[in-house]
Amino acid sequence: MHAAPLKYKPGTMRRWIEEDNKGVKILGIRWLLREDRRGQVASSLVIYMRDLMEVTKLRMGRRLFRTTSYDWDR
């Protein structure tokens, strides 16, 4: 998930994503990079989903966030 707001904890965003996107089951969530975030307002999240599904956007509240899917089982 790209451009996720840094002012919220990943666990809180996970709950909101599951509530706003019916059928999405998340196994885990973490920040993409462990970098110094001072001065930044957004970063990318890695979301581990239970089922392989093609999701191009995820809703969180009133906003839609662009996503990129990867096949990690290679």
Protein backbone atom coordinates (compact mmCIF):
# COMPACT_ATOMS: atom_id res chain seq x y z
CA MET A 1 0.00 0.00 0.00
CA HIS A 2 1.57 3.26 -1.13
CA ALA A 3 1.42 6.64 0.64
CA ALA A 4 0.09 5.33 3.95
CA PRO A 5 -0.11 8.07 6.60
CA LEU A 6 2.61 7.79 9.26
CA LYS A 7 0.50 9.32 12.03
CA TYR A 8 -1.36 6.01 12.60
CA LYS A 9 -0.05 2.71 13.91
CA PRO A 10 0.01 -0.20 11.42
CA GLY A 11 -2.32 -2.27 13.64
CA THR A 12 -4.93 0.49 13.61
CA MET A 13 -4.70 0.80 9.82
CA ARG A 14 -5.02 -2.99 9.50
CA ARG A 15 -8.32 -2.92 11.39
CA TRP A 16 -9.63 -0.03 9.28
CA ILE A 17 -8.63 -1.74 6.01
CA GLU A 18 -10.39 -4.97 6.99
CA GLU A 19 -13.52 -3.06 8.06
CA ASP A 20 -13.69 -0.96 4.87
CA ASN A 21 -12.82 -3.73 2.37
CA LYS A 22 -15.11 -6.70 2.84
CA GLY A 23 -13.48 -10.01 1.99
CA VAL A 24 -9.91 -8.84 2.68
CA LYS A 25 -8.17 -10.93 5.36
CA ILE A 26 -4.79 -9.61 6.49
CA LEU A 27 -2.22 -11.91 8.13
CA GLY A 28 0.34 -9.22 8.89
CA ILE A 29 1.28 -5.64 8.21
CA ARG A 30 4.58 -3.70 8.51
CA TRP A 31 6.35 -0.64 7.18
CA LEU A 32 8.29 -1.32 3.96
CA LEU A 33 11.55 0.27 5.12
CA ARG A 34 13.03 0.98 8.51
CA GLU A 35 14.14 4.49 7.75
CA ASP A 36 14.33 7.76 9.59
CA ARG A 37 10.82 9.15 9.20
CA ARG A 38 11.34 12.61 10.66
CA GLY A 39 9.81 15.14 8.30
CA GLN A 40 7.86 12.55 6.31
CA VAL A 41 4.08 12.32 6.36
CA ALA A 42 3.63 9.07 4.39
CA SER A 43 5.42 5.83 3.55
CA SER A 44 4.63 2.41 2.08
CA LEU A 45 3.16 -0.50 4.02
CA VAL A 46 3.65 -4.19 3.29
CA ILE A 47 0.38 -6.08 3.78
CA TYR A 48 0.43 -9.88 3.94
CA MET A 49 -2.96 -11.18 2.81
CA ARG A 50 -4.45 -14.59 3.50
CA ASP A 51 -5.82 -15.19 -0.01
CA LEU A 52 -4.13 -14.39 -3.28
CA MET A 53 -6.36 -11.80 -4.88
CA GLU A 54 -5.74 -9.04 -7.36
CA VAL A 55 -6.29 -5.85 -5.39
CA THR A 56 -5.30 -2.60 -7.09
CA LYS A 57 -6.78 -0.25 -4.49
CA LEU A 58 -7.68 -0.53 -0.83
CA ARG A 59 -10.12 1.77 0.91
CA MET A 60 -9.32 3.19 4.33
CA GLY A 61 -12.01 5.62 5.42
CA ARG A 62 -12.82 8.05 2.61
CA ARG A 63 -9.51 7.55 0.82
CA LEU A 64 -8.41 4.96 -1.74
CA PHE A 65 -4.80 3.82 -1.62
CA ARG A 66 -2.92 2.39 -4.61
CA THR A 67 -1.45 -1.09 -4.13
CA THR A 68 1.10 -3.25 -5.90
CA SER A 69 0.96 -7.03 -5.53
CA TYR A 70 3.97 -9.34 -5.41
CA ASP A 71 4.23 -13.12 -5.55
CA TRP A 72 6.58 -13.95 -2.67
CA ASP A 73 6.46 -17.76 -3.18
CA ARG A 74 8.99 -17.85 -6.02
